[in-house]
């Protein structure tokens, strides 16, 4: 299963025209099952030499992952894998025991 990282929005400082915060989402799909997680990351130190309009998604994703750190990225991706596994093999069901 491939996990896809996306940036849904980037906050910027209007005085400096530099990015400050990335709003991210990571998603995974396995057949009919999917999982996702999202959050924000401070990317100001990575974007300090790049004008807002010069940022592309690949840069923003790389900065976001760097800002989050390897451990947090791995935890986010594991959460998605776990969500999908739970859907594939649920440990609870909802229903009524009577008809």
C-alpha atoms as a PDB file:
ATOM      1  CA  UNK A   1       0.000   0.000   0.000  1.00  0.00           C
ATOM      2  CA  UNK A   2       1.270   3.427  -0.901  1.00  0.00           C
ATOM      3  CA  UNK A   3       0.791   6.346   1.463  1.00  0.00           C
ATOM      4  CA  UNK A   4       0.316   9.703  -0.221  1.00  0.00           C
ATOM      5  CA  UNK A   5       1.212  12.970   1.467  1.00  0.00           C
ATOM      6  CA  UNK A   6      -0.570  16.165   0.429  1.00  0.00           C
ATOM      7  CA  UNK A   7      -0.466  19.778   1.510  1.00  0.00           C
ATOM      8  CA  UNK A   8      -3.959  21.242   1.732  1.00  0.00           C
ATOM      9  CA  UNK A   9      -2.875  24.793   2.617  1.00  0.00           C
ATOM     10  CA  UNK A  10       0.111  26.856   3.640  1.00  0.00           C
ATOM     11  CA  UNK A  11      -0.043  29.834   5.988  1.00  0.00           C
ATOM     12  CA  UNK A  12       2.261  32.744   5.210  1.00  0.00           C
ATOM     13  CA  UNK A  13       3.517  35.893   6.850  1.00  0.00           C
ATOM     14  CA  UNK A  14       2.248  38.712   4.647  1.00  0.00           C
ATOM     15  CA  UNK A  15       5.014  41.081   5.747  1.00  0.00           C
ATOM     16  CA  UNK A  16       7.819  38.762   4.590  1.00  0.00           C
ATOM     17  CA  UNK A  17       5.894  36.693   2.007  1.00  0.00           C
ATOM     18  CA  UNK A  18       7.324  33.531   3.579  1.00  0.00           C
ATOM     19  CA  UNK A  19       5.555  30.306   4.492  1.00  0.00           C
ATOM     20  CA  UNK A  20       5.036  29.650   8.183  1.00  0.00           C
ATOM     21  CA  UNK A  21       2.800  26.592   8.597  1.00  0.00           C
ATOM     22  CA  UNK A  22       1.837  23.656   6.382  1.00  0.00           C
ATOM     23  CA  UNK A  23      -1.528  21.954   6.769  1.00  0.00           C
ATOM     24  CA  UNK A  24      -0.919  18.350   5.719  1.00  0.00           C
ATOM     25  CA  UNK A  25      -2.820  15.130   5.133  1.00  0.00           C
ATOM     26  CA  UNK A  26      -1.495  11.618   4.587  1.00  0.00           C
ATOM     27  CA  UNK A  27      -3.750   8.991   3.025  1.00  0.00           C
ATOM     28  CA  UNK A  28      -3.551   5.324   2.159  1.00  0.00           C
ATOM     29  CA  UNK A  29      -5.884   3.056   0.197  1.00  0.00           C
ATOM     30  CA  UNK A  30      -5.996  -0.727   0.011  1.00  0.00           C
ATOM     31  CA  UNK A  31      -8.859  -1.848  -2.220  1.00  0.00           C
ATOM     32  CA  UNK A  32     -12.106  -0.685  -0.622  1.00  0.00           C
ATOM     33  CA  UNK A  33     -10.382   0.326   2.609  1.00  0.00           C
ATOM     34  CA  UNK A  34      -8.737   3.651   3.399  1.00  0.00           C
ATOM     35  CA  UNK A  35      -7.150   5.549   6.221  1.00  0.00           C
ATOM     36  CA  UNK A  36      -5.866   9.054   6.757  1.00  0.00           C
ATOM     37  CA  UNK A  37      -4.350  11.421   9.244  1.00  0.00           C
ATOM     38  CA  UNK A  38      -3.730  15.150   9.200  1.00  0.00           C
ATOM     39  CA  UNK A  39      -2.105  17.963  11.075  1.00  0.00           C
ATOM     40  CA  UNK A  40       0.046  21.064  10.855  1.00  0.00           C
ATOM     41  CA  UNK A  41       3.774  21.618  10.883  1.00  0.00           C
ATOM     42  CA  UNK A  42       5.860  24.742  11.316  1.00  0.00           C
ATOM     43  CA  UNK A  43       7.928  25.060   8.140  1.00  0.00           C
ATOM     44  CA  UNK A  44       9.173  28.643   8.603  1.00  0.00           C
ATOM     45  CA  UNK A  45      12.832  27.692   9.034  1.00  0.00           C
ATOM     46  CA  UNK A  46      12.783  25.583   5.857  1.00  0.00           C
ATOM     47  CA  UNK A  47      10.998  28.261   3.816  1.00  0.00           C
ATOM     48  CA  UNK A  48      12.948  31.285   5.018  1.00  0.00           C
ATOM     49  CA  UNK A  49      14.800  31.703   1.705  1.00  0.00           C
ATOM     50  CA  UNK A  50      11.870  30.905  -0.596  1.00  0.00           C
ATOM     51  CA  UNK A  51       9.108  33.293  -1.634  1.00  0.00           C
ATOM     52  CA  UNK A  52       5.621  31.940  -1.043  1.00  0.00           C
ATOM     53  CA  UNK A  53       4.791  31.838  -4.769  1.00  0.00           C
ATOM     54  CA  UNK A  54       7.944  29.819  -5.513  1.00  0.00           C
ATOM     55  CA  UNK A  55       6.935  26.900  -3.274  1.00  0.00           C
ATOM     56  CA  UNK A  56       5.744  23.738  -4.977  1.00  0.00           C
ATOM     57  CA  UNK A  57       4.002  20.770  -3.411  1.00  0.00           C
ATOM     58  CA  UNK A  58       7.121  18.555  -3.442  1.00  0.00           C
ATOM     59  CA  UNK A  59       9.071  21.202  -1.514  1.00  0.00           C
ATOM     60  CA  UNK A  60       6.244  21.696   0.963  1.00  0.00           C
ATOM     61  CA  UNK A  61       5.931  17.950   1.586  1.00  0.00           C
ATOM     62  CA  UNK A  62       9.692  17.588   2.106  1.00  0.00           C
ATOM     63  CA  UNK A  63       9.723  20.547   4.510  1.00  0.00           C
ATOM     64  CA  UNK A  64       6.691  19.199   6.358  1.00  0.00           C
ATOM     65  CA  UNK A  65       8.244  15.767   6.823  1.00  0.00           C
ATOM     66  CA  UNK A  66      11.521  17.352   7.963  1.00  0.00           C
ATOM     67  CA  UNK A  67       9.664  19.555  10.442  1.00  0.00           C
ATOM     68  CA  UNK A  68       7.696  16.593  11.806  1.00  0.00           C
ATOM     69  CA  UNK A  69      10.754  14.372  12.092  1.00  0.00           C
ATOM     70  CA  UNK A  70      11.252  10.760  11.085  1.00  0.00           C
ATOM     71  CA  UNK A  71       9.538   9.322  14.158  1.00  0.00           C
ATOM     72  CA  UNK A  72       6.352  11.367  13.731  1.00  0.00           C
ATOM     73  CA  UNK A  73       6.186  10.616   9.999  1.00  0.00           C
ATOM     74  CA  UNK A  74       6.532   6.894  10.761  1.00  0.00           C
ATOM     75  CA  UNK A  75       3.824   7.120  13.445  1.00  0.00           C
ATOM     76  CA  UNK A  76       1.451   8.895  11.038  1.00  0.00           C
ATOM     77  CA  UNK A  77       1.994   6.260   8.365  1.00  0.00           C
ATOM     78  CA  UNK A  78       1.615   3.417  10.885  1.00  0.00           C
ATOM     79  CA  UNK A  79      -1.679   4.951  12.025  1.00  0.00           C
ATOM     80  CA  UNK A  80      -2.971   4.746   8.453  1.00  0.00           C
ATOM     81  CA  UNK A  81      -1.852   1.125   8.077  1.00  0.00           C
ATOM     82  CA  UNK A  82      -3.512   0.286  11.404  1.00  0.00           C
ATOM     83  CA  UNK A  83      -6.772   2.014  10.390  1.00  0.00           C
ATOM     84  CA  UNK A  84      -6.940  -0.053   7.205  1.00  0.00           C
ATOM     85  CA  UNK A  85      -6.057  -3.294   9.003  1.00  0.00           C
ATOM     86  CA  UNK A  86      -8.843  -2.671  11.512  1.00  0.00           C
ATOM     87  CA  UNK A  87     -11.333  -2.134   8.679  1.00  0.00           C
ATOM     88  CA  UNK A  88     -10.200  -5.345   6.996  1.00  0.00           C
ATOM     89  CA  UNK A  89     -10.430  -7.359  10.215  1.00  0.00           C
ATOM     90  CA  UNK A  90     -12.807  -5.531  12.562  1.00  0.00           C
ATOM     91  CA  UNK A  91     -12.688  -6.372  16.246  1.00  0.00           C
ATOM     92  CA  UNK A  92     -16.198  -5.039  16.900  1.00  0.00           C
ATOM     93  CA  UNK A  93     -19.533  -5.149  15.111  1.00  0.00           C
ATOM     94  CA  UNK A  94     -22.718  -3.173  15.514  1.00  0.00           C
ATOM     95  CA  UNK A  95     -26.159  -4.630  15.231  1.00  0.00           C
ATOM     96  CA  UNK A  96     -29.114  -6.067  17.138  1.00  0.00           C
ATOM     97  CA  UNK A  97     -29.251  -9.637  18.391  1.00  0.00           C
ATOM     98  CA  UNK A  98     -32.993  -9.827  17.640  1.00  0.00           C
ATOM     99  CA  UNK A  99     -34.714  -9.592  14.293  1.00  0.00           C
END
